[in-house]
N, C-alpha and C. Protein backbone atom coordinates (compact mmCIF):
# COMPACT_ATOMS: atom_id res chain seq x y z
N UNK A 1 10.86 25.88 77.14
CA UNK A 1 9.60 26.20 76.47
C UNK A 1 9.41 25.30 75.25
N UNK A 2 8.18 24.79 75.10
CA UNK A 2 7.83 24.00 73.93
C UNK A 2 6.95 24.84 73.01
N UNK A 3 7.28 24.86 71.74
CA UNK A 3 6.47 25.58 70.76
C UNK A 3 5.76 24.58 69.86
N UNK A 4 4.44 24.68 69.82
CA UNK A 4 3.64 23.95 68.83
C UNK A 4 3.57 24.83 67.60
N UNK A 5 4.08 24.33 66.49
CA UNK A 5 4.25 25.17 65.30
C UNK A 5 2.91 25.34 64.57
N UNK A 6 2.52 26.58 64.43
CA UNK A 6 1.28 26.92 63.74
C UNK A 6 1.59 27.24 62.28
N UNK A 7 1.25 26.30 61.40
CA UNK A 7 1.41 26.58 59.97
C UNK A 7 0.10 26.34 59.23
N UNK A 8 -1.00 26.39 60.01
CA UNK A 8 -2.32 26.35 59.42
C UNK A 8 -2.82 24.97 59.06
N UNK A 9 -2.20 23.89 59.63
CA UNK A 9 -2.56 22.54 59.19
C UNK A 9 -2.89 21.58 60.34
N UNK A 10 -2.92 22.05 61.57
CA UNK A 10 -3.06 21.08 62.66
C UNK A 10 -4.17 21.40 63.63
N UNK A 11 -4.54 20.37 64.39
CA UNK A 11 -5.49 20.55 65.49
C UNK A 11 -4.70 20.99 66.72
N UNK A 12 -4.29 22.24 66.70
CA UNK A 12 -3.34 22.74 67.69
C UNK A 12 -3.94 22.80 69.10
N UNK A 13 -5.21 23.14 69.19
CA UNK A 13 -5.83 23.32 70.49
C UNK A 13 -5.84 22.06 71.32
N UNK A 14 -6.13 20.91 70.71
CA UNK A 14 -6.20 19.67 71.48
C UNK A 14 -4.83 19.26 71.98
N UNK A 15 -3.79 19.53 71.20
CA UNK A 15 -2.43 19.23 71.65
C UNK A 15 -2.07 20.15 72.81
N UNK A 16 -2.37 21.43 72.67
CA UNK A 16 -2.09 22.39 73.74
C UNK A 16 -2.80 22.00 75.03
N UNK A 17 -4.06 21.58 74.92
CA UNK A 17 -4.82 21.20 76.11
C UNK A 17 -4.16 20.03 76.83
N UNK A 18 -3.66 19.07 76.08
CA UNK A 18 -2.98 17.93 76.70
C UNK A 18 -1.70 18.36 77.39
N UNK A 19 -0.93 19.20 76.74
CA UNK A 19 0.37 19.60 77.28
C UNK A 19 0.24 20.57 78.44
N UNK A 20 -0.88 21.30 78.49
CA UNK A 20 -1.06 22.25 79.58
C UNK A 20 -1.28 21.55 80.92
N UNK A 21 -1.51 20.24 80.88
CA UNK A 21 -1.65 19.48 82.12
C UNK A 21 -0.29 19.23 82.78
N UNK A 22 0.77 19.51 82.07
CA UNK A 22 2.11 19.38 82.62
C UNK A 22 2.55 20.75 83.15
N UNK A 23 3.72 20.78 83.77
CA UNK A 23 4.23 22.04 84.33
C UNK A 23 5.13 22.78 83.34
N UNK A 24 5.21 22.29 82.12
CA UNK A 24 6.08 22.90 81.11
C UNK A 24 5.34 24.04 80.40
N UNK A 25 6.07 25.11 80.11
CA UNK A 25 5.49 26.21 79.34
C UNK A 25 5.33 25.78 77.89
N UNK A 26 4.12 25.92 77.38
CA UNK A 26 3.81 25.53 76.01
C UNK A 26 3.05 26.66 75.33
N UNK A 27 3.48 27.00 74.12
CA UNK A 27 2.77 28.02 73.35
C UNK A 27 2.56 27.54 71.92
N UNK A 28 1.57 28.12 71.26
CA UNK A 28 1.36 27.92 69.83
C UNK A 28 1.89 29.15 69.12
N UNK A 29 2.72 28.94 68.09
CA UNK A 29 3.31 30.11 67.43
C UNK A 29 3.76 29.79 66.01
N UNK A 30 3.73 30.81 65.18
CA UNK A 30 4.33 30.75 63.85
C UNK A 30 5.43 31.79 63.71
N UNK A 31 5.84 32.37 64.84
CA UNK A 31 6.85 33.44 64.82
C UNK A 31 8.25 32.87 64.97
N UNK A 32 9.13 33.26 64.07
CA UNK A 32 10.50 32.73 64.07
C UNK A 32 11.21 33.02 65.38
N UNK A 33 11.00 34.20 65.96
CA UNK A 33 11.71 34.55 67.18
C UNK A 33 11.31 33.67 68.36
N UNK A 34 10.06 33.20 68.38
CA UNK A 34 9.64 32.30 69.45
C UNK A 34 10.12 30.88 69.20
N UNK A 35 10.11 30.46 67.94
CA UNK A 35 10.65 29.15 67.59
C UNK A 35 12.13 29.07 67.94
N UNK A 36 12.86 30.14 67.71
CA UNK A 36 14.29 30.16 68.02
C UNK A 36 14.56 30.00 69.52
N UNK A 37 13.63 30.42 70.37
CA UNK A 37 13.81 30.32 71.82
C UNK A 37 13.36 28.98 72.38
N UNK A 38 12.73 28.14 71.56
CA UNK A 38 12.14 26.90 72.05
C UNK A 38 13.21 25.88 72.44
N UNK A 39 12.93 25.13 73.49
CA UNK A 39 13.77 23.98 73.84
C UNK A 39 13.39 22.76 73.04
N UNK A 40 12.08 22.65 72.76
CA UNK A 40 11.55 21.54 71.97
C UNK A 40 10.43 22.06 71.10
N UNK A 41 10.16 21.31 70.02
CA UNK A 41 9.15 21.73 69.05
C UNK A 41 8.21 20.58 68.75
N UNK A 42 6.97 20.93 68.42
CA UNK A 42 6.00 19.94 67.95
C UNK A 42 5.43 20.43 66.63
N UNK A 43 5.48 19.55 65.62
CA UNK A 43 4.91 19.86 64.31
C UNK A 43 3.70 18.96 64.10
N UNK A 44 2.50 19.48 64.36
CA UNK A 44 1.29 18.67 64.13
C UNK A 44 0.91 18.70 62.67
N UNK A 45 -0.24 18.17 62.33
CA UNK A 45 -0.65 18.28 60.94
C UNK A 45 -1.85 17.43 60.60
N UNK A 46 -2.81 18.05 59.92
CA UNK A 46 -3.96 17.36 59.36
C UNK A 46 -4.20 17.98 57.98
N UNK A 47 -4.27 17.13 56.96
CA UNK A 47 -4.49 17.66 55.61
C UNK A 47 -3.49 17.10 54.62
N UNK A 48 -3.32 17.79 53.51
CA UNK A 48 -2.49 17.26 52.43
C UNK A 48 -1.02 17.64 52.61
N UNK A 49 -0.16 16.75 52.12
CA UNK A 49 1.29 16.93 52.21
C UNK A 49 1.73 18.19 51.47
N UNK A 50 1.27 18.35 50.23
CA UNK A 50 1.69 19.50 49.42
C UNK A 50 1.28 20.81 50.08
N UNK A 51 0.07 20.85 50.64
CA UNK A 51 -0.39 22.07 51.30
C UNK A 51 0.43 22.35 52.55
N UNK A 52 0.82 21.28 53.25
CA UNK A 52 1.65 21.47 54.44
C UNK A 52 2.99 22.10 54.13
N UNK A 53 3.67 21.57 53.13
CA UNK A 53 4.96 22.14 52.72
C UNK A 53 4.78 23.56 52.21
N UNK A 54 3.73 23.78 51.44
CA UNK A 54 3.47 25.12 50.90
C UNK A 54 3.23 26.12 52.02
N UNK A 55 2.48 25.71 53.04
CA UNK A 55 2.22 26.62 54.17
C UNK A 55 3.48 26.93 54.95
N UNK A 56 4.35 25.93 55.14
CA UNK A 56 5.62 26.19 55.82
C UNK A 56 6.45 27.20 55.04
N UNK A 57 6.42 27.09 53.72
CA UNK A 57 7.16 28.04 52.88
C UNK A 57 6.54 29.43 52.94
N UNK A 58 5.23 29.50 52.86
CA UNK A 58 4.55 30.80 52.85
C UNK A 58 4.79 31.55 54.15
N UNK A 59 4.90 30.82 55.26
CA UNK A 59 5.13 31.47 56.56
C UNK A 59 6.61 31.60 56.88
N UNK A 60 7.44 31.25 55.89
CA UNK A 60 8.90 31.41 56.01
C UNK A 60 9.44 30.68 57.25
N UNK A 61 9.00 29.44 57.44
CA UNK A 61 9.36 28.69 58.63
C UNK A 61 10.45 27.64 58.39
N UNK A 62 10.70 27.26 57.16
CA UNK A 62 11.62 26.14 56.91
C UNK A 62 13.04 26.49 57.36
N UNK A 63 13.48 27.70 57.09
CA UNK A 63 14.84 28.09 57.47
C UNK A 63 15.07 28.03 58.97
N UNK A 64 14.17 28.61 59.74
CA UNK A 64 14.34 28.62 61.20
C UNK A 64 14.20 27.22 61.77
N UNK A 65 13.34 26.40 61.18
CA UNK A 65 13.19 25.03 61.66
C UNK A 65 14.45 24.21 61.37
N UNK A 66 15.02 24.37 60.20
CA UNK A 66 16.25 23.63 59.88
C UNK A 66 17.40 24.07 60.79
N UNK A 67 17.45 25.34 61.13
CA UNK A 67 18.48 25.81 62.06
C UNK A 67 18.31 25.15 63.42
N UNK A 68 17.07 25.12 63.92
CA UNK A 68 16.81 24.52 65.23
C UNK A 68 17.04 23.02 65.23
N UNK A 69 16.56 22.34 64.21
CA UNK A 69 16.55 20.87 64.21
C UNK A 69 17.86 20.29 63.70
N UNK A 70 18.34 20.76 62.58
CA UNK A 70 19.50 20.16 61.93
C UNK A 70 20.81 20.68 62.54
N UNK A 71 20.88 21.95 62.84
CA UNK A 71 22.13 22.53 63.37
C UNK A 71 22.18 22.47 64.89
N UNK A 72 21.13 22.97 65.55
CA UNK A 72 21.14 23.02 67.01
C UNK A 72 20.67 21.73 67.66
N UNK A 73 20.09 20.83 66.88
CA UNK A 73 19.66 19.50 67.36
C UNK A 73 18.57 19.57 68.42
N UNK A 74 17.69 20.56 68.33
CA UNK A 74 16.56 20.63 69.25
C UNK A 74 15.61 19.48 68.96
N UNK A 75 15.06 18.83 69.97
CA UNK A 75 14.10 17.74 69.74
C UNK A 75 12.83 18.26 69.08
N UNK A 76 12.30 17.49 68.15
CA UNK A 76 11.03 17.82 67.51
C UNK A 76 10.19 16.55 67.42
N UNK A 77 8.89 16.72 67.65
CA UNK A 77 7.93 15.63 67.51
C UNK A 77 6.96 15.99 66.40
N UNK A 78 6.96 15.18 65.35
CA UNK A 78 5.99 15.35 64.27
C UNK A 78 4.82 14.41 64.49
N UNK A 79 3.61 14.92 64.34
CA UNK A 79 2.40 14.15 64.56
C UNK A 79 1.62 14.03 63.26
N UNK A 80 1.34 12.81 62.84
CA UNK A 80 0.55 12.50 61.64
C UNK A 80 1.18 13.16 60.41
N UNK A 81 0.51 14.15 59.80
CA UNK A 81 1.11 14.84 58.65
C UNK A 81 2.45 15.45 59.03
N UNK A 82 2.57 15.94 60.26
CA UNK A 82 3.84 16.51 60.69
C UNK A 82 4.99 15.54 60.53
N UNK A 83 4.77 14.26 60.89
CA UNK A 83 5.80 13.25 60.71
C UNK A 83 6.07 13.02 59.22
N UNK A 84 5.02 12.97 58.43
CA UNK A 84 5.19 12.72 57.00
C UNK A 84 6.00 13.82 56.32
N UNK A 85 5.87 15.05 56.80
CA UNK A 85 6.61 16.16 56.20
C UNK A 85 8.11 16.03 56.42
N UNK A 86 8.53 15.21 57.38
CA UNK A 86 9.97 14.99 57.60
C UNK A 86 10.61 14.20 56.45
N UNK A 87 9.81 13.52 55.64
CA UNK A 87 10.34 12.62 54.62
C UNK A 87 10.81 13.38 53.37
N UNK A 88 11.41 12.66 52.45
CA UNK A 88 11.95 13.28 51.23
C UNK A 88 10.86 13.72 50.25
N UNK A 89 9.83 12.90 50.14
CA UNK A 89 8.77 13.22 49.17
C UNK A 89 7.53 12.43 49.52
N UNK A 90 6.41 12.82 48.88
CA UNK A 90 5.16 12.11 49.07
C UNK A 90 4.52 11.78 47.73
N UNK A 91 3.83 10.65 47.70
CA UNK A 91 3.05 10.31 46.51
C UNK A 91 1.82 11.20 46.36
N UNK A 92 1.47 11.90 47.41
CA UNK A 92 0.33 12.81 47.37
C UNK A 92 0.74 14.09 46.65
N UNK A 93 0.42 14.16 45.38
CA UNK A 93 0.80 15.32 44.57
C UNK A 93 2.26 15.30 44.17
N UNK A 94 2.96 14.18 44.42
CA UNK A 94 4.39 14.06 44.09
C UNK A 94 5.17 15.25 44.64
N UNK A 95 4.89 15.59 45.90
CA UNK A 95 5.50 16.77 46.50
C UNK A 95 6.78 16.42 47.24
N UNK A 96 7.74 17.34 47.24
CA UNK A 96 8.97 17.17 48.00
C UNK A 96 8.76 17.60 49.44
N UNK A 97 9.37 16.83 50.36
CA UNK A 97 9.26 17.13 51.78
C UNK A 97 10.49 17.83 52.32
N UNK A 98 10.59 17.87 53.65
CA UNK A 98 11.73 18.51 54.29
C UNK A 98 13.01 17.71 54.12
N UNK A 99 12.90 16.40 53.96
CA UNK A 99 14.07 15.56 53.72
C UNK A 99 14.94 15.33 54.94
N UNK A 100 14.40 15.49 56.13
CA UNK A 100 15.18 15.29 57.35
C UNK A 100 15.36 13.81 57.66
N UNK A 101 14.46 12.98 57.16
CA UNK A 101 14.53 11.53 57.35
C UNK A 101 14.53 10.89 55.98
N UNK A 102 15.39 9.89 55.79
CA UNK A 102 15.48 9.19 54.51
C UNK A 102 14.29 8.24 54.39
N UNK A 103 13.20 8.79 53.87
CA UNK A 103 11.95 8.05 53.79
C UNK A 103 11.05 8.68 52.75
N UNK A 104 10.03 7.94 52.33
CA UNK A 104 9.01 8.46 51.44
C UNK A 104 7.64 8.27 52.09
N UNK A 105 6.71 9.15 51.72
CA UNK A 105 5.34 9.03 52.18
C UNK A 105 4.52 8.42 51.05
N UNK A 106 3.92 7.26 51.33
CA UNK A 106 3.22 6.48 50.30
C UNK A 106 1.74 6.31 50.65
N UNK A 107 0.93 6.10 49.63
CA UNK A 107 -0.50 5.90 49.85
C UNK A 107 -0.79 4.42 50.04
N UNK A 108 -1.70 4.12 50.97
CA UNK A 108 -2.16 2.74 51.10
C UNK A 108 -2.73 2.28 49.76
N UNK A 109 -2.30 1.11 49.32
CA UNK A 109 -2.77 0.55 48.05
C UNK A 109 -2.91 -0.95 48.25
N UNK A 110 -4.10 -1.36 48.70
CA UNK A 110 -4.28 -2.73 49.11
C UNK A 110 -4.59 -3.65 47.93
N UNK A 111 -4.15 -4.90 48.09
CA UNK A 111 -4.44 -5.93 47.09
C UNK A 111 -5.86 -6.45 47.31
N UNK A 112 -6.32 -7.33 46.43
CA UNK A 112 -7.71 -7.78 46.47
C UNK A 112 -8.07 -8.44 47.79
N UNK A 113 -7.13 -9.21 48.38
CA UNK A 113 -7.46 -9.88 49.64
C UNK A 113 -7.64 -8.89 50.79
N UNK A 114 -7.13 -7.66 50.61
CA UNK A 114 -7.30 -6.63 51.63
C UNK A 114 -8.38 -5.62 51.25
N UNK A 115 -9.22 -6.00 50.27
CA UNK A 115 -10.16 -5.04 49.70
C UNK A 115 -11.15 -4.50 50.73
N UNK A 116 -11.38 -5.24 51.79
CA UNK A 116 -12.35 -4.80 52.79
C UNK A 116 -11.79 -3.72 53.71
N UNK A 117 -10.48 -3.49 53.64
CA UNK A 117 -9.87 -2.46 54.48
C UNK A 117 -10.17 -1.09 53.88
N UNK A 118 -10.71 -0.22 54.69
CA UNK A 118 -11.10 1.10 54.22
C UNK A 118 -9.91 2.06 54.28
N UNK A 119 -9.94 3.01 53.38
CA UNK A 119 -8.98 4.12 53.39
C UNK A 119 -9.80 5.40 53.51
N UNK A 120 -9.53 6.23 54.50
CA UNK A 120 -8.36 6.21 55.39
C UNK A 120 -8.44 5.14 56.48
N UNK A 121 -7.26 4.78 56.97
CA UNK A 121 -7.15 3.98 58.18
C UNK A 121 -7.59 4.88 59.33
N UNK A 122 -8.70 4.54 59.96
CA UNK A 122 -9.27 5.43 60.97
C UNK A 122 -9.70 4.63 62.19
N UNK A 123 -9.27 5.07 63.36
CA UNK A 123 -9.69 4.44 64.60
C UNK A 123 -8.50 3.95 65.41
N UNK A 124 -8.81 3.10 66.38
CA UNK A 124 -7.79 2.61 67.31
C UNK A 124 -7.05 1.42 66.75
N UNK A 125 -5.74 1.41 66.96
CA UNK A 125 -4.92 0.28 66.54
C UNK A 125 -3.72 0.19 67.47
N UNK A 126 -3.12 -0.99 67.52
CA UNK A 126 -2.02 -1.23 68.45
C UNK A 126 -0.67 -1.07 67.77
N UNK A 127 0.37 -0.89 68.56
CA UNK A 127 1.72 -0.73 68.03
C UNK A 127 2.58 -1.93 68.41
N UNK A 128 3.55 -2.21 67.56
CA UNK A 128 4.52 -3.28 67.78
C UNK A 128 5.89 -2.64 67.93
N UNK A 129 6.42 -2.64 69.14
CA UNK A 129 7.70 -1.97 69.41
C UNK A 129 8.85 -2.81 68.84
N UNK A 130 9.69 -2.16 68.02
CA UNK A 130 10.84 -2.84 67.42
C UNK A 130 12.13 -2.53 68.15
N UNK A 131 12.21 -1.39 68.78
CA UNK A 131 13.40 -1.04 69.54
C UNK A 131 13.04 -0.05 70.63
N UNK A 132 13.96 0.15 71.55
CA UNK A 132 13.71 1.07 72.65
C UNK A 132 13.81 2.51 72.18
N UNK A 133 13.00 3.35 72.79
CA UNK A 133 13.05 4.79 72.56
C UNK A 133 12.52 5.47 73.80
N UNK A 134 13.11 6.60 74.15
CA UNK A 134 12.61 7.35 75.30
C UNK A 134 11.17 7.78 75.10
N UNK A 135 10.74 7.88 73.86
CA UNK A 135 9.37 8.28 73.57
C UNK A 135 8.36 7.24 74.06
N UNK A 136 8.78 5.98 74.15
CA UNK A 136 7.85 4.89 74.49
C UNK A 136 8.09 4.30 75.87
N UNK A 137 8.85 4.98 76.70
CA UNK A 137 9.07 4.50 78.07
C UNK A 137 7.72 4.38 78.80
N UNK A 138 7.54 3.28 79.52
CA UNK A 138 6.32 2.99 80.29
C UNK A 138 5.11 2.68 79.42
N UNK A 139 5.33 2.48 78.14
CA UNK A 139 4.25 2.05 77.25
C UNK A 139 4.49 0.60 76.84
N UNK A 140 3.52 -0.28 77.01
CA UNK A 140 3.73 -1.69 76.69
C UNK A 140 3.68 -1.94 75.19
N UNK A 141 4.30 -3.02 74.77
CA UNK A 141 4.10 -3.48 73.40
C UNK A 141 2.62 -3.79 73.24
N UNK A 142 2.02 -3.30 72.17
CA UNK A 142 0.59 -3.48 71.98
C UNK A 142 -0.24 -2.33 72.49
N UNK A 143 0.40 -1.26 72.97
CA UNK A 143 -0.34 -0.07 73.39
C UNK A 143 -1.18 0.44 72.22
N UNK A 144 -2.32 1.02 72.53
CA UNK A 144 -3.29 1.40 71.50
C UNK A 144 -3.35 2.91 71.34
N UNK A 145 -3.39 3.33 70.06
CA UNK A 145 -3.44 4.76 69.74
C UNK A 145 -4.46 5.02 68.63
N UNK A 146 -4.80 6.29 68.46
CA UNK A 146 -5.84 6.68 67.50
C UNK A 146 -5.21 7.18 66.20
N UNK A 147 -5.63 6.58 65.09
CA UNK A 147 -5.09 6.90 63.76
C UNK A 147 -6.17 7.50 62.86
N UNK A 148 -5.76 8.42 62.00
CA UNK A 148 -6.57 8.90 60.87
C UNK A 148 -5.61 9.27 59.76
N UNK A 149 -5.46 8.40 58.75
CA UNK A 149 -4.51 8.71 57.66
C UNK A 149 -4.73 7.79 56.46
N UNK A 150 -4.43 8.32 55.29
CA UNK A 150 -4.49 7.57 54.04
C UNK A 150 -3.10 7.26 53.50
N UNK A 151 -2.09 7.92 54.06
CA UNK A 151 -0.70 7.76 53.64
C UNK A 151 0.13 7.29 54.82
N UNK A 152 1.23 6.63 54.53
CA UNK A 152 2.12 6.12 55.58
C UNK A 152 3.57 6.39 55.19
N UNK A 153 4.45 6.34 56.17
CA UNK A 153 5.87 6.61 55.95
C UNK A 153 6.62 5.29 55.76
N UNK A 154 7.39 5.23 54.69
CA UNK A 154 8.26 4.07 54.41
C UNK A 154 9.71 4.52 54.55
N UNK A 155 10.36 4.07 55.62
CA UNK A 155 11.75 4.46 55.89
C UNK A 155 12.72 3.62 55.07
N UNK A 156 13.71 4.25 54.46
CA UNK A 156 14.76 3.52 53.74
C UNK A 156 15.79 2.95 54.70
N UNK A 157 15.91 3.53 55.88
CA UNK A 157 16.80 3.01 56.93
C UNK A 157 15.93 2.38 58.01
N UNK A 158 15.93 1.03 58.11
CA UNK A 158 15.09 0.37 59.12
C UNK A 158 15.41 0.83 60.54
N UNK A 159 16.62 1.32 60.77
CA UNK A 159 17.00 1.78 62.09
C UNK A 159 16.23 2.99 62.56
N UNK A 160 15.55 3.69 61.63
CA UNK A 160 14.74 4.84 62.01
C UNK A 160 13.33 4.46 62.48
N UNK A 161 12.98 3.18 62.33
CA UNK A 161 11.64 2.72 62.71
C UNK A 161 11.67 2.22 64.15
N UNK A 162 10.90 2.86 65.00
CA UNK A 162 10.82 2.48 66.41
C UNK A 162 9.68 1.48 66.65
N UNK A 163 8.56 1.68 65.97
CA UNK A 163 7.40 0.80 66.14
C UNK A 163 6.60 0.77 64.85
N UNK A 164 5.86 -0.32 64.67
CA UNK A 164 5.01 -0.47 63.50
C UNK A 164 3.58 -0.78 63.93
N UNK A 165 2.67 -0.60 62.99
CA UNK A 165 1.26 -0.96 63.17
C UNK A 165 0.83 -1.74 61.95
N UNK A 166 -0.07 -2.71 62.16
CA UNK A 166 -0.57 -3.53 61.06
C UNK A 166 -1.91 -3.00 60.56
N UNK A 167 -1.96 -2.65 59.30
CA UNK A 167 -3.22 -2.34 58.63
C UNK A 167 -3.05 -2.73 57.17
N UNK A 168 -3.30 -3.98 56.87
CA UNK A 168 -3.03 -4.53 55.55
C UNK A 168 -1.56 -4.81 55.35
N UNK A 169 -0.73 -3.86 55.74
CA UNK A 169 0.73 -3.99 55.75
C UNK A 169 1.23 -3.54 57.12
N UNK A 170 2.48 -3.84 57.42
CA UNK A 170 3.12 -3.28 58.60
C UNK A 170 3.78 -1.96 58.20
N UNK A 171 3.32 -0.87 58.79
CA UNK A 171 3.88 0.44 58.45
C UNK A 171 4.47 1.09 59.70
N UNK A 172 5.39 2.01 59.49
CA UNK A 172 6.04 2.71 60.60
C UNK A 172 5.04 3.65 61.27
N UNK A 173 4.81 3.44 62.56
CA UNK A 173 3.91 4.33 63.30
C UNK A 173 4.66 5.22 64.27
N UNK A 174 5.90 4.85 64.61
CA UNK A 174 6.78 5.70 65.41
C UNK A 174 8.16 5.67 64.77
N UNK A 175 8.73 6.83 64.51
CA UNK A 175 10.08 6.89 63.94
C UNK A 175 10.96 7.78 64.82
N UNK A 176 12.25 7.54 64.71
CA UNK A 176 13.22 8.40 65.40
C UNK A 176 14.53 8.39 64.63
N UNK A 177 15.04 9.59 64.38
CA UNK A 177 16.38 9.77 63.84
C UNK A 177 17.05 10.85 64.68
N UNK A 178 17.89 10.39 65.63
CA UNK A 178 18.54 11.31 66.56
C UNK A 178 17.50 12.13 67.31
N UNK A 179 17.48 13.44 67.10
CA UNK A 179 16.55 14.34 67.80
C UNK A 179 15.20 14.50 67.11
N UNK A 180 14.99 13.76 66.03
CA UNK A 180 13.76 13.88 65.24
C UNK A 180 12.86 12.69 65.55
N UNK A 181 11.68 12.97 66.10
CA UNK A 181 10.73 11.94 66.49
C UNK A 181 9.43 12.14 65.71
N UNK A 182 8.73 11.05 65.43
CA UNK A 182 7.45 11.18 64.75
C UNK A 182 6.49 10.08 65.12
N UNK A 183 5.20 10.40 65.16
CA UNK A 183 4.15 9.40 65.35
C UNK A 183 3.11 9.57 64.25
N UNK A 184 2.72 8.44 63.64
CA UNK A 184 1.67 8.51 62.63
C UNK A 184 0.30 8.69 63.29
N UNK A 185 0.16 8.20 64.49
CA UNK A 185 -1.09 8.35 65.24
C UNK A 185 -1.13 9.70 65.95
N UNK A 186 -2.28 9.97 66.56
CA UNK A 186 -2.49 11.22 67.28
C UNK A 186 -2.43 10.96 68.79
N UNK A 187 -1.31 11.22 69.44
CA UNK A 187 -1.25 11.00 70.89
C UNK A 187 -2.24 11.87 71.66
N UNK A 188 -2.52 13.06 71.15
CA UNK A 188 -3.44 13.96 71.86
C UNK A 188 -4.88 13.44 71.85
N UNK A 189 -5.18 12.43 71.00
CA UNK A 189 -6.51 11.82 70.96
C UNK A 189 -6.50 10.40 71.52
N UNK A 190 -5.38 10.00 72.11
CA UNK A 190 -5.19 8.59 72.47
C UNK A 190 -5.24 8.32 73.97
N UNK A 191 -5.99 9.13 74.68
CA UNK A 191 -6.25 8.91 76.11
C UNK A 191 -4.95 8.74 76.90
N UNK A 192 -4.93 7.76 77.82
CA UNK A 192 -3.81 7.67 78.75
C UNK A 192 -2.50 7.33 78.07
N UNK A 193 -2.52 6.42 77.11
CA UNK A 193 -1.27 6.07 76.41
C UNK A 193 -0.70 7.28 75.68
N UNK A 194 -1.57 8.10 75.13
CA UNK A 194 -1.11 9.31 74.46
C UNK A 194 -0.52 10.31 75.42
N UNK A 195 -1.11 10.42 76.59
CA UNK A 195 -0.58 11.32 77.61
C UNK A 195 0.81 10.87 78.05
N UNK A 196 0.97 9.55 78.24
CA UNK A 196 2.29 9.02 78.63
C UNK A 196 3.32 9.37 77.57
N UNK A 197 2.99 9.19 76.30
CA UNK A 197 3.95 9.49 75.22
C UNK A 197 4.32 10.97 75.22
N UNK A 198 3.33 11.84 75.35
CA UNK A 198 3.63 13.28 75.35
C UNK A 198 4.46 13.68 76.56
N UNK A 199 4.20 13.07 77.71
CA UNK A 199 5.01 13.34 78.88
C UNK A 199 6.45 12.88 78.68
N UNK A 200 6.59 11.74 78.02
CA UNK A 200 7.94 11.25 77.72
C UNK A 200 8.70 12.26 76.87
N UNK A 201 8.02 12.82 75.88
CA UNK A 201 8.68 13.81 75.03
C UNK A 201 9.08 15.03 75.83
N UNK A 202 8.22 15.45 76.75
CA UNK A 202 8.50 16.63 77.55
C UNK A 202 9.58 16.39 78.59
N UNK A 203 9.49 15.26 79.28
CA UNK A 203 10.31 15.05 80.48
C UNK A 203 11.55 14.21 80.26
N UNK A 204 11.59 13.37 79.25
CA UNK A 204 12.70 12.42 79.10
C UNK A 204 13.63 12.73 77.93
N UNK A 205 13.19 13.57 77.01
CA UNK A 205 13.94 13.79 75.76
C UNK A 205 14.57 15.18 75.78
């Protein structure tokens, strides 16, 4: 069973609709007892970093998630804000994150030559694969995904970066640390390439 974690910050329905096309049981839940039974977890997210962490705390979810992810090593996929919450801290409100990945969440801050680049980074962009990952099986280098974000993840360990995207700078768009996976883009909004990635998470990981 896959649990999409409901902490009040994500477009849960669109992710559920994509995953329901597979034969895997998928539910949306904020209940600890259902999270404990999950084989895999998805942490989506749209909104501010500080509010995301605060909501996880208010719903008393951090303890059960750390048990599943850090101790039991259950696979988790963080999407957009969900991936950013895996980091140590964010420049958005100077908030502390879950700290599961040695990284910081930083705001795009372009120099004058990049002044024409709008923030947020919104729309379709391609990925540059740096290393192999089961998450990207059957996806070509240059596969295109849909992004909406003003902040990006900067990993302190380059080995955690699976793929990058160029938007003024090269930023991590796919990360992996053991059983912890993250995408800065929204696979549920990324048509066929997004479906392939979600299937990889379900069937290969």
